[in-house]
């Protein structure tokens, strides 16, 4: 059993996927990878710090639509096109979470949709 989560406060899906899906039995929300697209202007910030913040704001909007918060995030995956941006990303990322921090994987990828520098997905529980 699954339930689709959609909000106008995060970018619309660019393909055949949902912003988020709740698995009703396990009470788990799977948030699709969020790029730094502003849902209002559809613009993309330039700096990695601003892009990281926008990704996390988009994730937060989806969490809120499902009745959750960043405190409910259990795991994230961060995709960077340049691992040299790790420390800058990490500085912003750390302001969105508190102890105990979610588990996280950070990987470097060759390219992301819309040529952004970062994408972040999340798993949260109710």
PDB file of N, CA and C in Angstrom:
ATOM      1  N   UNK A   1       0.832  -1.171   0.000  1.00  0.00           N
ATOM      2  CA  UNK A   1       0.000   0.000   0.000  1.00  0.00           C
ATOM      3  C   UNK A   1       0.884   1.244   0.000  1.00  0.00           C
ATOM      4  N   UNK A   2       0.638   2.132  -0.957  1.00  0.00           N
ATOM      5  CA  UNK A   2       1.420   3.357  -0.998  1.00  0.00           C
ATOM      6  C   UNK A   2       0.533   4.547  -1.314  1.00  0.00           C
ATOM      7  N   UNK A   3       1.012   5.716  -0.843  1.00  0.00           N
ATOM      8  CA  UNK A   3       0.280   6.963  -1.022  1.00  0.00           C
ATOM      9  C   UNK A   3       1.248   8.001  -1.603  1.00  0.00           C
ATOM     10  N   UNK A   4       0.808   8.679  -2.629  1.00  0.00           N
ATOM     11  CA  UNK A   4       1.615   9.706  -3.285  1.00  0.00           C
ATOM     12  C   UNK A   4       1.586  10.996  -2.465  1.00  0.00           C
ATOM     13  N   UNK A   5       2.749  11.643  -2.339  1.00  0.00           N
ATOM     14  CA  UNK A   5       2.856  12.942  -1.680  1.00  0.00           C
ATOM     15  C   UNK A   5       3.272  13.957  -2.730  1.00  0.00           C
ATOM     16  N   UNK A   6       2.497  15.022  -2.876  1.00  0.00           N
ATOM     17  CA  UNK A   6       2.769  16.097  -3.828  1.00  0.00           C
ATOM     18  C   UNK A   6       2.576  17.438  -3.139  1.00  0.00           C
ATOM     19  N   UNK A   7       3.434  18.384  -3.434  1.00  0.00           N
ATOM     20  CA  UNK A   7       3.285  19.738  -2.910  1.00  0.00           C
ATOM     21  C   UNK A   7       3.716  20.749  -3.973  1.00  0.00           C
ATOM     22  N   UNK A   8       3.069  21.882  -3.967  1.00  0.00           N
ATOM     23  CA  UNK A   8       3.463  22.950  -4.881  1.00  0.00           C
ATOM     24  C   UNK A   8       4.703  23.684  -4.365  1.00  0.00           C
ATOM     25  N   UNK A   9       5.147  23.340  -3.153  1.00  0.00           N
ATOM     26  CA  UNK A   9       6.283  24.005  -2.529  1.00  0.00           C
ATOM     27  C   UNK A   9       7.618  23.327  -2.850  1.00  0.00           C
ATOM     28  N   UNK A  10       7.580  22.360  -3.733  1.00  0.00           N
ATOM     29  CA  UNK A  10       8.780  21.703  -4.254  1.00  0.00           C
ATOM     30  C   UNK A  10       8.580  21.589  -5.758  1.00  0.00           C
ATOM     31  N   UNK A  11       9.682  21.472  -6.522  1.00  0.00           N
ATOM     32  CA  UNK A  11       9.540  21.389  -7.984  1.00  0.00           C
ATOM     33  C   UNK A  11       8.693  20.196  -8.409  1.00  0.00           C
ATOM     34  N   UNK A  12       7.936  20.375  -9.481  1.00  0.00           N
ATOM     35  CA  UNK A  12       7.151  19.282 -10.046  1.00  0.00           C
ATOM     36  C   UNK A  12       8.085  18.193 -10.543  1.00  0.00           C
ATOM     37  N   UNK A  13       7.616  16.966 -10.519  1.00  0.00           N
ATOM     38  CA  UNK A  13       8.395  15.852 -11.043  1.00  0.00           C
ATOM     39  C   UNK A  13       8.683  16.079 -12.521  1.00  0.00           C
ATOM     40  N   UNK A  14       9.913  15.821 -12.917  1.00  0.00           N
ATOM     41  CA  UNK A  14      10.332  16.025 -14.303  1.00  0.00           C
ATOM     42  C   UNK A  14      10.137  14.776 -15.153  1.00  0.00           C
ATOM     43  N   UNK A  15       9.574  13.748 -14.584  1.00  0.00           N
ATOM     44  CA  UNK A  15       9.384  12.493 -15.309  1.00  0.00           C
ATOM     45  C   UNK A  15       8.356  11.625 -14.612  1.00  0.00           C
ATOM     46  N   UNK A  16       8.358  10.336 -14.929  1.00  0.00           N
ATOM     47  CA  UNK A  16       7.370   9.423 -14.342  1.00  0.00           C
ATOM     48  C   UNK A  16       7.768   8.965 -12.932  1.00  0.00           C
ATOM     49  N   UNK A  17       7.751   9.922 -11.993  1.00  0.00           N
ATOM     50  CA  UNK A  17       8.020   9.610 -10.595  1.00  0.00           C
ATOM     51  C   UNK A  17       7.239  10.574  -9.721  1.00  0.00           C
ATOM     52  N   UNK A  18       7.153  10.278  -8.432  1.00  0.00           N
ATOM     53  CA  UNK A  18       6.441  11.123  -7.472  1.00  0.00           C
ATOM     54  C   UNK A  18       7.445  11.882  -6.626  1.00  0.00           C
ATOM     55  N   UNK A  19       7.039  13.043  -6.116  1.00  0.00           N
ATOM     56  CA  UNK A  19       7.907  13.775  -5.198  1.00  0.00           C
ATOM     57  C   UNK A  19       8.211  12.910  -3.977  1.00  0.00           C
ATOM     58  N   UNK A  20       7.196  12.225  -3.509  1.00  0.00           N
ATOM     59  CA  UNK A  20       7.364  11.333  -2.368  1.00  0.00           C
ATOM     60  C   UNK A  20       6.315  10.247  -2.386  1.00  0.00           C
ATOM     61  N   UNK A  21       6.666   9.118  -1.803  1.00  0.00           N
ATOM     62  CA  UNK A  21       5.748   7.988  -1.673  1.00  0.00           C
ATOM     63  C   UNK A  21       5.800   7.486  -0.233  1.00  0.00           C
ATOM     64  N   UNK A  22       4.644   7.336   0.378  1.00  0.00           N
ATOM     65  CA  UNK A  22       4.558   6.768   1.721  1.00  0.00           C
ATOM     66  C   UNK A  22       4.183   5.307   1.594  1.00  0.00           C
ATOM     67  N   UNK A  23       4.991   4.449   2.206  1.00  0.00           N
ATOM     68  CA  UNK A  23       4.634   3.040   2.335  1.00  0.00           C
ATOM     69  C   UNK A  23       3.809   2.951   3.610  1.00  0.00           C
ATOM     70  N   UNK A  24       2.510   2.712   3.456  1.00  0.00           N
ATOM     71  CA  UNK A  24       1.569   2.829   4.567  1.00  0.00           C
ATOM     72  C   UNK A  24       1.826   1.801   5.673  1.00  0.00           C
ATOM     73  N   UNK A  25       2.214   0.589   5.314  1.00  0.00           N
ATOM     74  CA  UNK A  25       2.410  -0.448   6.317  1.00  0.00           C
ATOM     75  C   UNK A  25       3.620  -0.152   7.194  1.00  0.00           C
ATOM     76  N   UNK A  26       4.728   0.245   6.578  1.00  0.00           N
ATOM     77  CA  UNK A  26       5.946   0.509   7.357  1.00  0.00           C
ATOM     78  C   UNK A  26       6.027   1.951   7.838  1.00  0.00           C
ATOM     79  N   UNK A  27       5.071   2.788   7.408  1.00  0.00           N
ATOM     80  CA  UNK A  27       5.035   4.201   7.787  1.00  0.00           C
ATOM     81  C   UNK A  27       6.357   4.887   7.445  1.00  0.00           C
ATOM     82  N   UNK A  28       6.796   4.667   6.217  1.00  0.00           N
ATOM     83  CA  UNK A  28       8.044   5.225   5.714  1.00  0.00           C
ATOM     84  C   UNK A  28       7.756   6.101   4.511  1.00  0.00           C
ATOM     85  N   UNK A  29       8.369   7.285   4.485  1.00  0.00           N
ATOM     86  CA  UNK A  29       8.260   8.194   3.352  1.00  0.00           C
ATOM     87  C   UNK A  29       9.570   8.164   2.579  1.00  0.00           C
ATOM     88  N   UNK A  30       9.477   7.904   1.287  1.00  0.00           N
ATOM     89  CA  UNK A  30      10.623   7.933   0.390  1.00  0.00           C
ATOM     90  C   UNK A  30      10.517   9.213  -0.436  1.00  0.00           C
ATOM     91  N   UNK A  31      11.483  10.121  -0.254  1.00  0.00           N
ATOM     92  CA  UNK A  31      11.488  11.397  -0.979  1.00  0.00           C
ATOM     93  C   UNK A  31      12.415  11.259  -2.173  1.00  0.00           C
ATOM     94  N   UNK A  32      11.882  11.505  -3.368  1.00  0.00           N
ATOM     95  CA  UNK A  32      12.687  11.452  -4.582  1.00  0.00           C
ATOM     96  C   UNK A  32      13.810  12.474  -4.511  1.00  0.00           C
ATOM     97  N   UNK A  33      14.854  12.237  -5.280  1.00  0.00           N
ATOM     98  CA  UNK A  33      15.972  13.159  -5.328  1.00  0.00           C
ATOM     99  C   UNK A  33      15.497  14.558  -5.672  1.00  0.00           C
ATOM    100  N   UNK A  34      15.884  15.508  -4.860  1.00  0.00           N
ATOM    101  CA  UNK A  34      15.494  16.904  -5.068  1.00  0.00           C
ATOM    102  C   UNK A  34      16.689  17.701  -5.568  1.00  0.00           C
ATOM    103  N   UNK A  35      16.492  18.351  -6.688  1.00  0.00           N
ATOM    104  CA  UNK A  35      17.508  19.233  -7.238  1.00  0.00           C
ATOM    105  C   UNK A  35      17.233  20.646  -6.733  1.00  0.00           C
ATOM    106  N   UNK A  36      18.144  21.576  -6.969  1.00  0.00           N
ATOM    107  CA  UNK A  36      17.971  22.926  -6.429  1.00  0.00           C
ATOM    108  C   UNK A  36      17.094  23.849  -7.276  1.00  0.00           C
ATOM    109  N   UNK A  37      16.048  23.305  -7.856  1.00  0.00           N
ATOM    110  CA  UNK A  37      15.121  24.119  -8.634  1.00  0.00           C
ATOM    111  C   UNK A  37      14.147  24.800  -7.680  1.00  0.00           C
ATOM    112  N   UNK A  38      14.022  26.114  -7.784  1.00  0.00           N
ATOM    113  CA  UNK A  38      13.066  26.857  -6.980  1.00  0.00           C
ATOM    114  C   UNK A  38      11.670  26.566  -7.531  1.00  0.00           C
ATOM    115  N   UNK A  39      10.738  26.093  -6.692  1.00  0.00           N
ATOM    116  CA  UNK A  39       9.415  25.719  -7.195  1.00  0.00           C
ATOM    117  C   UNK A  39       8.589  26.904  -7.694  1.00  0.00           C
ATOM    118  N   UNK A  40       8.919  28.121  -7.285  1.00  0.00           N
ATOM    119  CA  UNK A  40       8.170  29.298  -7.705  1.00  0.00           C
ATOM    120  C   UNK A  40       8.740  29.881  -8.992  1.00  0.00           C
ATOM    121  N   UNK A  41      10.047  30.129  -8.996  1.00  0.00           N
ATOM    122  CA  UNK A  41      10.672  30.784 -10.148  1.00  0.00           C
ATOM    123  C   UNK A  41      11.209  29.803 -11.182  1.00  0.00           C
ATOM    124  N   UNK A  42      11.375  28.547 -10.762  1.00  0.00           N
ATOM    125  CA  UNK A  42      12.006  27.489 -11.574  1.00  0.00           C
ATOM    126  C   UNK A  42      13.470  27.809 -11.873  1.00  0.00           C
ATOM    127  N   UNK A  43      14.026  28.779 -11.147  1.00  0.00           N
ATOM    128  CA  UNK A  43      15.432  29.122 -11.288  1.00  0.00           C
ATOM    129  C   UNK A  43      16.313  28.184 -10.482  1.00  0.00           C
ATOM    130  N   UNK A  44      17.612  28.220 -10.799  1.00  0.00           N
ATOM    131  CA  UNK A  44      18.601  27.389 -10.114  1.00  0.00           C
ATOM    132  C   UNK A  44      19.679  28.310  -9.556  1.00  0.00           C
ATOM    133  N   UNK A  45      19.907  28.280  -8.237  1.00  0.00           N
ATOM    134  CA  UNK A  45      20.958  29.105  -7.662  1.00  0.00           C
ATOM    135  C   UNK A  45      22.331  28.719  -8.219  1.00  0.00           C
ATOM    136  N   UNK A  46      23.286  29.628  -8.129  1.00  0.00           N
ATOM    137  CA  UNK A  46      24.601  29.367  -8.702  1.00  0.00           C
ATOM    138  C   UNK A  46      25.558  28.661  -7.754  1.00  0.00           C
ATOM    139  N   UNK A  47      25.650  29.097  -6.497  1.00  0.00           N
ATOM    140  CA  UNK A  47      26.658  28.533  -5.598  1.00  0.00           C
ATOM    141  C   UNK A  47      26.215  27.182  -5.046  1.00  0.00           C
ATOM    142  N   UNK A  48      27.189  26.370  -4.685  1.00  0.00           N
ATOM    143  CA  UNK A  48      26.874  25.060  -4.107  1.00  0.00           C
ATOM    144  C   UNK A  48      26.163  25.222  -2.772  1.00  0.00           C
ATOM    145  N   UNK A  49      26.485  26.270  -2.036  1.00  0.00           N
ATOM    146  CA  UNK A  49      25.799  26.505  -0.757  1.00  0.00           C
ATOM    147  C   UNK A  49      24.319  26.778  -0.993  1.00  0.00           C
ATOM    148  N   UNK A  50      24.015  27.652  -1.944  1.00  0.00           N
ATOM    149  CA  UNK A  50      22.613  27.976  -2.244  1.00  0.00           C
ATOM    150  C   UNK A  50      21.894  26.777  -2.853  1.00  0.00           C
ATOM    151  N   UNK A  51      22.589  26.012  -3.672  1.00  0.00           N
ATOM    152  CA  UNK A  51      21.973  24.824  -4.268  1.00  0.00           C
ATOM    153  C   UNK A  51      21.670  23.782  -3.197  1.00  0.00           C
ATOM    154  N   UNK A  52      22.582  23.606  -2.243  1.00  0.00           N
ATOM    155  CA  UNK A  52      22.347  22.657  -1.143  1.00  0.00           C
ATOM    156  C   UNK A  52      21.131  23.087  -0.330  1.00  0.00           C
ATOM    157  N   UNK A  53      21.086  24.369  -0.001  1.00  0.00           N
ATOM    158  CA  UNK A  53      19.954  24.889   0.772  1.00  0.00           C
ATOM    159  C   UNK A  53      18.635  24.668   0.032  1.00  0.00           C
ATOM    160  N   UNK A  54      18.600  24.944  -1.263  1.00  0.00           N
ATOM    161  CA  UNK A  54      17.369  24.788  -2.037  1.00  0.00           C
ATOM    162  C   UNK A  54      16.937  23.329  -2.073  1.00  0.00           C
ATOM    163  N   UNK A  55      17.879  22.399  -2.264  1.00  0.00           N
ATOM    164  CA  UNK A  55      17.536  20.967  -2.244  1.00  0.00           C
ATOM    165  C   UNK A  55      16.879  20.594  -0.921  1.00  0.00           C
ATOM    166  N   UNK A  56      17.466  21.059   0.174  1.00  0.00           N
ATOM    167  CA  UNK A  56      16.949  20.699   1.497  1.00  0.00           C
ATOM    168  C   UNK A  56      15.629  21.399   1.799  1.00  0.00           C
ATOM    169  N   UNK A  57      15.442  22.611   1.307  1.00  0.00           N
ATOM    170  CA  UNK A  57      14.139  23.279   1.451  1.00  0.00           C
ATOM    171  C   UNK A  57      13.068  22.514   0.679  1.00  0.00           C
ATOM    172  N   UNK A  58      13.414  22.004  -0.496  1.00  0.00           N
ATOM    173  CA  UNK A  58      12.461  21.213  -1.280  1.00  0.00           C
ATOM    174  C   UNK A  58      12.106  19.917  -0.548  1.00  0.00           C
ATOM    175  N   UNK A  59      13.111  19.268   0.032  1.00  0.00           N
ATOM    176  CA  UNK A  59      12.845  18.055   0.812  1.00  0.00           C
ATOM    177  C   UNK A  59      11.946  18.391   1.991  1.00  0.00           C
ATOM    178  N   UNK A  60      12.252  19.473   2.696  1.00  0.00           N
ATOM    179  CA  UNK A  60      11.443  19.874   3.843  1.00  0.00           C
ATOM    180  C   UNK A  60       9.990  20.123   3.453  1.00  0.00           C
ATOM    181  N   UNK A  61       9.761  20.734   2.297  1.00  0.00           N
ATOM    182  CA  UNK A  61       8.388  20.992   1.836  1.00  0.00           C
ATOM    183  C   UNK A  61       7.621  19.689   1.627  1.00  0.00           C
ATOM    184  N   UNK A  62       8.289  18.690   1.072  1.00  0.00           N
ATOM    185  CA  UNK A  62       7.648  17.389   0.849  1.00  0.00           C
ATOM    186  C   UNK A  62       7.384  16.699   2.184  1.00  0.00           C
ATOM    187  N   UNK A  63       8.340  16.773   3.094  1.00  0.00           N
ATOM    188  CA  UNK A  63       8.140  16.211   4.429  1.00  0.00           C
ATOM    189  C   UNK A  63       6.938  16.858   5.117  1.00  0.00           C
ATOM    190  N   UNK A  64       6.866  18.194   5.069  1.00  0.00           N
ATOM    191  CA  UNK A  64       5.750  18.898   5.699  1.00  0.00           C
ATOM    192  C   UNK A  64       4.416  18.515   5.086  1.00  0.00           C
ATOM    193  N   UNK A  65       4.382  18.333   3.776  1.00  0.00           N
ATOM    194  CA  UNK A  65       3.137  17.914   3.113  1.00  0.00           C
ATOM    195  C   UNK A  65       2.674  16.559   3.639  1.00  0.00           C
ATOM    196  N   UNK A  66       3.615  15.722   4.036  1.00  0.00           N
ATOM    197  CA  UNK A  66       3.292  14.396   4.577  1.00  0.00           C
ATOM    198  C   UNK A  66       3.082  14.428   6.083  1.00  0.00           C
ATOM    199  N   UNK A  67       3.252  15.596   6.713  1.00  0.00           N
ATOM    200  CA  UNK A  67       3.080  15.703   8.158  1.00  0.00           C
ATOM    201  C   UNK A  67       4.344  15.369   8.938  1.00  0.00           C
ATOM    202  N   UNK A  68       5.493  15.470   8.294  1.00  0.00           N
ATOM    203  CA  UNK A  68       6.774  15.147   8.924  1.00  0.00           C
ATOM    204  C   UNK A  68       7.671  16.374   8.951  1.00  0.00           C
ATOM    205  N   UNK A  69       8.855  16.213   9.543  1.00  0.00           N
ATOM    206  CA  UNK A  69       9.849  17.287   9.579  1.00  0.00           C
ATOM    207  C   UNK A  69      11.231  16.694   9.326  1.00  0.00           C
ATOM    208  N   UNK A  70      12.219  17.546   9.263  1.00  0.00           N
ATOM    209  CA  UNK A  70      13.597  17.092   9.060  1.00  0.00           C
ATOM    210  C   UNK A  70      14.045  16.169  10.199  1.00  0.00           C
ATOM    211  N   UNK A  71      13.445  16.314  11.378  1.00  0.00           N
ATOM    212  CA  UNK A  71      13.775  15.439  12.508  1.00  0.00           C
ATOM    213  C   UNK A  71      13.385  13.991  12.243  1.00  0.00           C
ATOM    214  N   UNK A  72      12.486  13.765  11.302  1.00  0.00           N
ATOM    215  CA  UNK A  72      12.013  12.414  11.005  1.00  0.00           C
ATOM    216  C   UNK A  72      12.838  11.714   9.922  1.00  0.00           C
ATOM    217  N   UNK A  73      13.826  12.408   9.363  1.00  0.00           N
ATOM    218  CA  UNK A  73      14.656  11.827   8.299  1.00  0.00           C
ATOM    219  C   UNK A  73      15.628  10.821   8.908  1.00  0.00           C
ATOM    220  N   UNK A  74      15.622   9.610   8.358  1.00  0.00           N
ATOM    221  CA  UNK A  74      16.495   8.537   8.821  1.00  0.00           C
ATOM    222  C   UNK A  74      17.758   8.413   7.970  1.00  0.00           C
ATOM    223  N   UNK A  75      17.647   8.712   6.665  1.00  0.00           N
ATOM    224  CA  UNK A  75      18.778   8.538   5.751  1.00  0.00           C
ATOM    225  C   UNK A  75      18.641   9.480   4.567  1.00  0.00           C
ATOM    226  N   UNK A  76      19.783   9.976   4.104  1.00  0.00           N
ATOM    227  CA  UNK A  76      19.822  10.763   2.882  1.00  0.00           C
ATOM    228  C   UNK A  76      20.927  10.228   1.979  1.00  0.00           C
ATOM    229  N   UNK A  77      20.812  10.551   0.717  1.00  0.00           N
ATOM    230  CA  UNK A  77      21.896  10.326  -0.235  1.00  0.00           C
ATOM    231  C   UNK A  77      22.138  11.657  -0.920  1.00  0.00           C
ATOM    232  N   UNK A  78      23.396  12.088  -0.935  1.00  0.00           N
ATOM    233  CA  UNK A  78      23.790  13.338  -1.570  1.00  0.00           C
ATOM    234  C   UNK A  78      24.603  12.991  -2.809  1.00  0.00           C
ATOM    235  N   UNK A  79      24.198  13.539  -3.928  1.00  0.00           N
ATOM    236  CA  UNK A  79      24.897  13.337  -5.198  1.00  0.00           C
ATOM    237  C   UNK A  79      25.546  14.666  -5.573  1.00  0.00           C
ATOM    238  N   UNK A  80      26.872  14.681  -5.684  1.00  0.00           N
ATOM    239  CA  UNK A  80      27.621  15.874  -6.062  1.00  0.00           C
ATOM    240  C   UNK A  80      28.318  15.645  -7.394  1.00  0.00           C
ATOM    241  N   UNK A  81      28.350  16.665  -8.231  1.00  0.00           N
ATOM    242  CA  UNK A  81      29.084  16.534  -9.494  1.00  0.00           C
ATOM    243  C   UNK A  81      30.564  16.838  -9.303  1.00  0.00           C
ATOM    244  N   UNK A  82      30.926  17.351  -8.122  1.00  0.00           N
ATOM    245  CA  UNK A  82      32.326  17.641  -7.841  1.00  0.00           C
ATOM    246  C   UNK A  82      32.549  17.476  -6.336  1.00  0.00           C
ATOM    247  N   UNK A  83      33.310  16.466  -5.954  1.00  0.00           N
ATOM    248  CA  UNK A  83      33.545  16.194  -4.538  1.00  0.00           C
ATOM    249  C   UNK A  83      34.335  17.320  -3.862  1.00  0.00           C
ATOM    250  N   UNK A  84      34.935  18.214  -4.650  1.00  0.00           N
ATOM    251  CA  UNK A  84      35.594  19.392  -4.070  1.00  0.00           C
ATOM    252  C   UNK A  84      34.583  20.293  -3.369  1.00  0.00           C
ATOM    253  N   UNK A  85      33.292  20.134  -3.653  1.00  0.00           N
ATOM    254  CA  UNK A  85      32.231  20.913  -3.009  1.00  0.00           C
ATOM    255  C   UNK A  85      31.740  20.294  -1.701  1.00  0.00           C
ATOM    256  N   UNK A  86      32.347  19.179  -1.290  1.00  0.00           N
ATOM    257  CA  UNK A  86      31.865  18.444  -0.123  1.00  0.00           C
ATOM    258  C   UNK A  86      31.793  19.323   1.129  1.00  0.00           C
ATOM    259  N   UNK A  87      32.870  20.022   1.466  1.00  0.00           N
ATOM    260  CA  UNK A  87      32.880  20.809   2.705  1.00  0.00           C
ATOM    261  C   UNK A  87      31.850  21.930   2.687  1.00  0.00           C
ATOM    262  N   UNK A  88      31.698  22.597   1.549  1.00  0.00           N
ATOM    263  CA  UNK A  88      30.695  23.662   1.446  1.00  0.00           C
ATOM    264  C   UNK A  88      29.292  23.086   1.587  1.00  0.00           C
ATOM    265  N   UNK A  89      29.037  21.963   0.911  1.00  0.00           N
ATOM    266  CA  UNK A  89      27.737  21.292   1.031  1.00  0.00           C
ATOM    267  C   UNK A  89      27.496  20.882   2.473  1.00  0.00           C
ATOM    268  N   UNK A  90      28.495  20.286   3.084  1.00  0.00           N
ATOM    269  CA  UNK A  90      28.375  19.755   4.438  1.00  0.00           C
ATOM    270  C   UNK A  90      28.051  20.858   5.444  1.00  0.00           C
ATOM    271  N   UNK A  91      28.627  22.048   5.252  1.00  0.00           N
ATOM    272  CA  UNK A  91      28.355  23.166   6.154  1.00  0.00           C
ATOM    273  C   UNK A  91      26.894  23.570   6.144  1.00  0.00           C
ATOM    274  N   UNK A  92      26.293  23.621   4.970  1.00  0.00           N
ATOM    275  CA  UNK A  92      24.866  23.967   4.859  1.00  0.00           C
ATOM    276  C   UNK A  92      24.006  22.798   5.313  1.00  0.00           C
ATOM    277  N   UNK A  93      24.332  21.599   4.874  1.00  0.00           N
ATOM    278  CA  UNK A  93      23.585  20.387   5.225  1.00  0.00           C
ATOM    279  C   UNK A  93      23.430  20.288   6.744  1.00  0.00           C
ATOM    280  N   UNK A  94      24.511  20.549   7.470  1.00  0.00           N
ATOM    281  CA  UNK A  94      24.498  20.414   8.923  1.00  0.00           C
ATOM    282  C   UNK A  94      23.555  21.368   9.625  1.00  0.00           C
ATOM    283  N   UNK A  95      23.169  22.456   8.974  1.00  0.00           N
ATOM    284  CA  UNK A  95      22.246  23.408   9.601  1.00  0.00           C
ATOM    285  C   UNK A  95      20.791  22.942   9.522  1.00  0.00           C
ATOM    286  N   UNK A  96      20.510  21.938   8.713  1.00  0.00           N
ATOM    287  CA  UNK A  96      19.140  21.451   8.547  1.00  0.00           C
ATOM    288  C   UNK A  96      18.808  20.283   9.469  1.00  0.00           C
ATOM    289  N   UNK A  97      19.819  19.698  10.100  1.00  0.00           N
ATOM    290  CA  UNK A  97      19.609  18.521  10.940  1.00  0.00           C
ATOM    291  C   UNK A  97      20.249  18.728  12.307  1.00  0.00           C
ATOM    292  N   UNK A  98      19.724  17.999  13.283  1.00  0.00           N
ATOM    293  CA  UNK A  98      20.328  18.014  14.614  1.00  0.00           C
ATOM    294  C   UNK A  98      20.569  16.581  15.061  1.00  0.00           C
ATOM    295  N   UNK A  99      21.314  16.431  16.116  1.00  0.00           N
ATOM    296  CA  UNK A  99      21.636  15.102  16.660  1.00  0.00           C
ATOM    297  C   UNK A  99      20.367  14.371  17.076  1.00  0.00           C
ATOM    298  N   UNK A 100      20.264  13.110  16.881  1.00  0.00           N
ATOM    299  CA  UNK A 100      21.175  12.282  16.101  1.00  0.00           C
ATOM    300  C   UNK A 100      20.940  12.521  14.606  1.00  0.00           C
ATOM    301  N   UNK A 101      22.025  12.781  13.884  1.00  0.00           N
ATOM    302  CA  UNK A 101      21.933  13.065  12.456  1.00  0.00           C
ATOM    303  C   UNK A 101      21.495  11.827  11.689  1.00  0.00           C
ATOM    304  N   UNK A 102      20.818  12.022  10.547  1.00  0.00           N
ATOM    305  CA  UNK A 102      20.447  10.865   9.730  1.00  0.00           C
ATOM    306  C   UNK A 102      21.698  10.186   9.169  1.00  0.00           C
ATOM    307  N   UNK A 103      21.563   8.925   8.853  1.00  0.00           N
ATOM    308  CA  UNK A 103      22.622   8.235   8.113  1.00  0.00           C
ATOM    309  C   UNK A 103      22.717   8.912   6.750  1.00  0.00           C
ATOM    310  N   UNK A 104      23.914   8.868   6.130  1.00  0.00           N
ATOM    311  CA  UNK A 104      24.064   9.554   4.856  1.00  0.00           C
ATOM    312  C   UNK A 104      25.112   8.869   3.991  1.00  0.00           C
ATOM    313  N   UNK A 105      24.851   8.896   2.698  1.00  0.00           N
ATOM    314  CA  UNK A 105      25.822   8.499   1.694  1.00  0.00           C
ATOM    315  C   UNK A 105      26.054   9.720   0.818  1.00  0.00           C
ATOM    316  N   UNK A 106      27.306  10.023   0.504  1.00  0.00           N
ATOM    317  CA  UNK A 106      27.627  11.112  -0.420  1.00  0.00           C
ATOM    318  C   UNK A 106      28.488  10.529  -1.529  1.00  0.00           C
ATOM    319  N   UNK A 107      28.053  10.731  -2.762  1.00  0.00           N
ATOM    320  CA  UNK A 107      28.794  10.192  -3.904  1.00  0.00           C
ATOM    321  C   UNK A 107      28.988  11.272  -4.957  1.00  0.00           C
ATOM    322  N   UNK A 108      30.065  11.122  -5.716  1.00  0.00           N
ATOM    323  CA  UNK A 108      30.297  12.010  -6.853  1.00  0.00           C
ATOM    324  C   UNK A 108      29.753  11.330  -8.099  1.00  0.00           C
ATOM    325  N   UNK A 109      29.017  12.111  -8.885  1.00  0.00           N
ATOM    326  CA  UNK A 109      28.441  11.616 -10.137  1.00  0.00           C
ATOM    327  C   UNK A 109      28.917  12.498 -11.283  1.00  0.00           C
ATOM    328  N   UNK A 110      28.836  11.980 -12.492  1.00  0.00           N
ATOM    329  CA  UNK A 110      29.356  12.747 -13.623  1.00  0.00           C
ATOM    330  C   UNK A 110      28.417  13.872 -14.058  1.00  0.00           C
ATOM    331  N   UNK A 111      27.111  13.678 -13.871  1.00  0.00           N
ATOM    332  CA  UNK A 111      26.169  14.691 -14.339  1.00  0.00           C
ATOM    333  C   UNK A 111      24.810  14.484 -13.679  1.00  0.00           C
ATOM    334  N   UNK A 112      24.082  15.590 -13.482  1.00  0.00           N
ATOM    335  CA  UNK A 112      22.741  15.537 -12.912  1.00  0.00           C
ATOM    336  C   UNK A 112      21.766  16.275 -13.827  1.00  0.00           C
ATOM    337  N   UNK A 113      20.487  15.989 -13.651  1.00  0.00           N
ATOM    338  CA  UNK A 113      19.436  16.626 -14.429  1.00  0.00           C
ATOM    339  C   UNK A 113      19.565  18.141 -14.365  1.00  0.00           C
ATOM    340  N   UNK A 114      19.323  18.798 -15.497  1.00  0.00           N
ATOM    341  CA  UNK A 114      19.386  20.259 -15.608  1.00  0.00           C
ATOM    342  C   UNK A 114      20.791  20.812 -15.324  1.00  0.00           C
ATOM    343  N   UNK A 115      21.791  19.925 -15.346  1.00  0.00           N
ATOM    344  CA  UNK A 115      23.194  20.302 -15.098  1.00  0.00           C
ATOM    345  C   UNK A 115      23.422  20.992 -13.756  1.00  0.00           C
ATOM    346  N   UNK A 116      22.649  20.597 -12.745  1.00  0.00           N
ATOM    347  CA  UNK A 116      22.854  21.140 -11.404  1.00  0.00           C
ATOM    348  C   UNK A 116      24.072  20.471 -10.774  1.00  0.00           C
ATOM    349  N   UNK A 117      24.538  21.026  -9.655  1.00  0.00           N
ATOM    350  CA  UNK A 117      25.735  20.513  -8.994  1.00  0.00           C
ATOM    351  C   UNK A 117      25.432  19.522  -7.879  1.00  0.00           C
ATOM    352  N   UNK A 118      24.149  19.420  -7.481  1.00  0.00           N
ATOM    353  CA  UNK A 118      23.795  18.585  -6.339  1.00  0.00           C
ATOM    354  C   UNK A 118      22.360  18.091  -6.456  1.00  0.00           C
ATOM    355  N   UNK A 119      22.125  16.909  -5.905  1.00  0.00           N
ATOM    356  CA  UNK A 119      20.781  16.350  -5.753  1.00  0.00           C
ATOM    357  C   UNK A 119      20.792  15.571  -4.446  1.00  0.00           C
ATOM    358  N   UNK A 120      19.687  15.630  -3.713  1.00  0.00           N
ATOM    359  CA  UNK A 120      19.590  14.943  -2.429  1.00  0.00           C
ATOM    360  C   UNK A 120      18.260  14.210  -2.343  1.00  0.00           C
ATOM    361  N   UNK A 121      18.300  12.936  -1.930  1.00  0.00           N
ATOM    362  CA  UNK A 121      17.058  12.228  -1.638  1.00  0.00           C
ATOM    363  C   UNK A 121      17.012  11.890  -0.153  1.00  0.00           C
ATOM    364  N   UNK A 122      15.859  11.436   0.324  1.00  0.00           N
ATOM    365  CA  UNK A 122      15.709  11.191   1.752  1.00  0.00           C
ATOM    366  C   UNK A 122      14.709  10.076   2.027  1.00  0.00           C
ATOM    367  N   UNK A 123      14.895   9.437   3.167  1.00  0.00           N
ATOM    368  CA  UNK A 123      13.949   8.455   3.681  1.00  0.00           C
ATOM    369  C   UNK A 123      13.593   8.905   5.096  1.00  0.00           C
ATOM    370  N   UNK A 124      12.287   9.002   5.389  1.00  0.00           N
ATOM    371  CA  UNK A 124      11.830   9.444   6.713  1.00  0.00           C
ATOM    372  C   UNK A 124      10.770   8.471   7.223  1.00  0.00           C
ATOM    373  N   UNK A 125      10.593   8.451   8.529  1.00  0.00           N
ATOM    374  CA  UNK A 125       9.580   7.586   9.133  1.00  0.00           C
ATOM    375  C   UNK A 125       8.627   8.397   9.993  1.00  0.00           C
ATOM    376  N   UNK A 126       7.405   7.879  10.112  1.00  0.00           N
ATOM    377  CA  UNK A 126       6.363   8.517  10.920  1.00  0.00           C
ATOM    378  C   UNK A 126       6.493   8.096  12.368  1.00  0.00           C
TER     379      UNK A 126
END
